Amino acid sequence: MEDNKSLLLFDGVCNLCNSSVQFILLRDKKDRFRFASLQSDYGQNLLREHNLPTETFNSLVLVENGKVYKKSTAALRIARKLKGLWPLLFAFIIIPPFIRNFVYDIIAKNRYRWFGKKEECMLPRPEWKQKFMG
């Protein structure tokens, strides 16, 4: 993968996660992100490489410059790189992670119930295919 790109690992069967990836794709005007599902071989290998769990998919994982960010920290770092007013959300980074992640964990725990689940990972639009790894 290119050095200047950030990689986002997401739950490929989660409707909320898939919608979030599409949201990011539409606002990633500087082509900063690449994507892989946590369930994919690529995602599983990367999780093992960073000593992260390979069977639970309750956090998105952002890899930037060899560093791994999870949960709310990952979400805020992503928002900081999007077009529009979304970078303003990065100001929430000053809130202690245990508070931010408490809210994140509630959403993550209920995401299938609230937003639904697919049987298989989404297929990206043809124009986005090169942004998906594996």
Protein backbone atom coordinates (compact mmCIF):
# COMPACT_ATOMS: atom_id res chain seq x y z
CA MET A 1 0.00 0.00 0.00
CA GLU A 2 1.17 3.53 -0.69
CA ASP A 3 2.98 5.20 2.21
CA ASN A 4 0.92 8.39 2.19
CA LYS A 5 -2.45 6.60 2.47
CA SER A 6 -4.37 5.78 5.62
CA LEU A 7 -5.98 2.35 5.80
CA LEU A 8 -9.39 1.89 7.37
CA LEU A 9 -10.42 -1.60 8.46
CA PHE A 10 -14.18 -1.87 8.97
CA ASP A 11 -16.83 -4.51 9.69
CA GLY A 12 -17.80 -5.52 6.16
CA VAL A 13 -21.24 -6.90 7.05
CA CYS A 14 -22.35 -3.97 9.23
CA ASN A 15 -24.79 -1.57 7.53
CA LEU A 16 -23.61 1.37 9.67
CA CYS A 17 -19.97 0.62 8.84
CA ASN A 18 -20.68 0.28 5.12
CA SER A 19 -22.61 3.55 5.12
CA SER A 20 -19.72 5.21 6.96
CA VAL A 21 -17.24 3.96 4.35
CA GLN A 22 -19.41 5.35 1.56
CA PHE A 23 -19.70 8.64 3.47
CA ILE A 24 -15.89 8.82 3.70
CA LEU A 25 -15.43 7.90 0.03
CA LEU A 26 -17.69 10.75 -1.05
CA ARG A 27 -15.73 13.27 1.06
CA ASP A 28 -12.19 11.97 0.52
CA LYS A 29 -11.40 14.49 -2.22
CA LYS A 30 -7.62 14.23 -1.64
CA ASP A 31 -7.65 10.42 -2.01
CA ARG A 32 -6.14 9.81 1.44
CA PHE A 33 -7.91 6.57 2.39
CA ARG A 34 -7.80 2.92 1.46
CA PHE A 35 -10.22 0.35 2.86
CA ALA A 36 -10.44 -3.33 3.78
CA SER A 37 -13.01 -5.29 5.69
CA LEU A 38 -11.94 -6.77 9.00
CA GLN A 39 -13.21 -10.14 7.74
CA SER A 40 -11.09 -10.15 4.55
CA ASP A 41 -7.80 -12.02 4.31
CA TYR A 42 -6.05 -8.66 3.96
CA GLY A 43 -7.78 -7.30 7.07
CA GLN A 44 -7.14 -10.46 9.07
CA ASN A 45 -3.43 -10.42 8.17
CA LEU A 46 -3.14 -6.77 9.18
CA LEU A 47 -4.89 -7.44 12.49
CA ARG A 48 -2.46 -10.29 13.24
CA GLU A 49 0.48 -8.09 12.20
CA HIS A 50 -0.58 -5.52 14.81
CA ASN A 51 -1.48 -8.12 17.49
CA LEU A 52 -5.18 -7.22 17.38
CA PRO A 53 -8.10 -9.66 17.84
CA THR A 54 -9.13 -11.39 14.62
CA GLU A 55 -12.55 -12.67 15.69
CA THR A 56 -14.28 -9.63 17.20
CA PHE A 57 -15.23 -6.79 14.90
CA ASN A 58 -16.56 -4.14 17.28
CA SER A 59 -14.10 -1.39 16.38
CA LEU A 60 -12.95 0.25 13.24
CA VAL A 61 -9.19 0.28 12.91
CA LEU A 62 -7.21 3.06 11.26
CA VAL A 63 -3.58 2.51 10.28
CA GLU A 64 -1.62 5.69 9.57
CA ASN A 65 2.14 5.79 9.12
CA GLY A 66 2.47 2.41 10.82
CA LYS A 67 0.45 3.49 13.89
CA VAL A 68 -2.86 1.89 14.81
CA TYR A 69 -5.86 3.87 16.05
CA LYS A 70 -9.13 2.33 17.18
CA LYS A 71 -12.64 3.34 18.16
CA SER A 72 -13.34 7.06 18.67
CA THR A 73 -9.73 8.10 18.12
CA ALA A 74 -9.81 6.47 14.68
CA ALA A 75 -13.16 8.11 13.86
CA LEU A 76 -11.91 11.57 14.85
CA ARG A 77 -8.66 11.15 12.89
CA ILE A 78 -10.73 10.22 9.83
CA ALA A 79 -13.04 13.23 10.26
CA ARG A 80 -9.99 15.48 10.41
CA LYS A 81 -9.08 14.51 6.82
CA LEU A 82 -12.50 14.92 5.20
CA LYS A 83 -13.80 17.75 3.05
CA GLY A 84 -16.17 20.29 4.56
CA LEU A 85 -16.70 21.07 8.22
CA TRP A 86 -16.00 17.51 9.38
CA PRO A 87 -12.43 18.34 10.54
CA LEU A 88 -13.99 20.49 13.28
CA LEU A 89 -15.04 17.26 15.01
CA PHE A 90 -11.38 16.62 15.77
CA ALA A 91 -11.75 19.11 18.63
CA PHE A 92 -13.43 16.26 20.56
CA ILE A 93 -10.01 14.62 20.81
CA ILE A 94 -9.54 16.64 24.01
CA ILE A 95 -12.24 14.55 25.71
CA PRO A 96 -10.56 11.65 27.51
CA PRO A 97 -10.68 8.43 25.45
CA PHE A 98 -12.49 6.47 28.15
CA ILE A 99 -15.45 8.87 27.83
CA ARG A 100 -15.38 8.98 24.01
CA ASN A 101 -15.02 5.20 23.79
CA PHE A 102 -17.88 4.64 26.23
CA VAL A 103 -20.23 6.25 23.69
CA TYR A 104 -18.48 4.49 20.79
CA ASP A 105 -18.89 1.10 22.52
CA ILE A 106 -22.63 1.60 23.05
CA ILE A 107 -23.09 2.26 19.33
CA ALA A 108 -20.77 -0.62 18.36
CA LYS A 109 -22.57 -3.05 20.65
CA ASN A 110 -25.99 -2.19 19.17
CA ARG A 111 -25.05 -1.47 15.54
CA TYR A 112 -26.55 -4.67 14.08
CA ARG A 113 -29.80 -4.23 16.01
CA TRP A 114 -30.14 -0.52 15.14
CA PHE A 115 -28.78 -0.47 11.58
CA GLY A 116 -28.90 -4.08 10.39
CA LYS A 117 -26.41 -6.55 9.00
CA LYS A 118 -25.64 -7.91 5.54
CA GLU A 119 -24.93 -11.55 4.75
CA GLU A 120 -21.74 -10.62 2.87
CA CYS A 121 -19.38 -7.68 2.52
CA MET A 122 -20.44 -4.86 0.22
CA LEU A 123 -19.14 -4.59 -3.31
CA PRO A 124 -17.71 -1.14 -4.00
CA ARG A 125 -18.73 0.95 -6.99
CA PRO A 126 -16.43 0.37 -9.97
CA GLU A 127 -14.88 3.83 -9.58
CA TRP A 128 -13.97 3.02 -5.96
CA LYS A 129 -12.67 -0.51 -6.50
CA GLN A 130 -8.98 0.54 -6.53
CA LYS A 131 -9.42 2.00 -3.01
CA PHE A 132 -10.23 -1.42 -1.52
CA MET A 133 -7.41 -3.72 -0.53
CA GLY A 134 -7.58 -7.48 -0.88
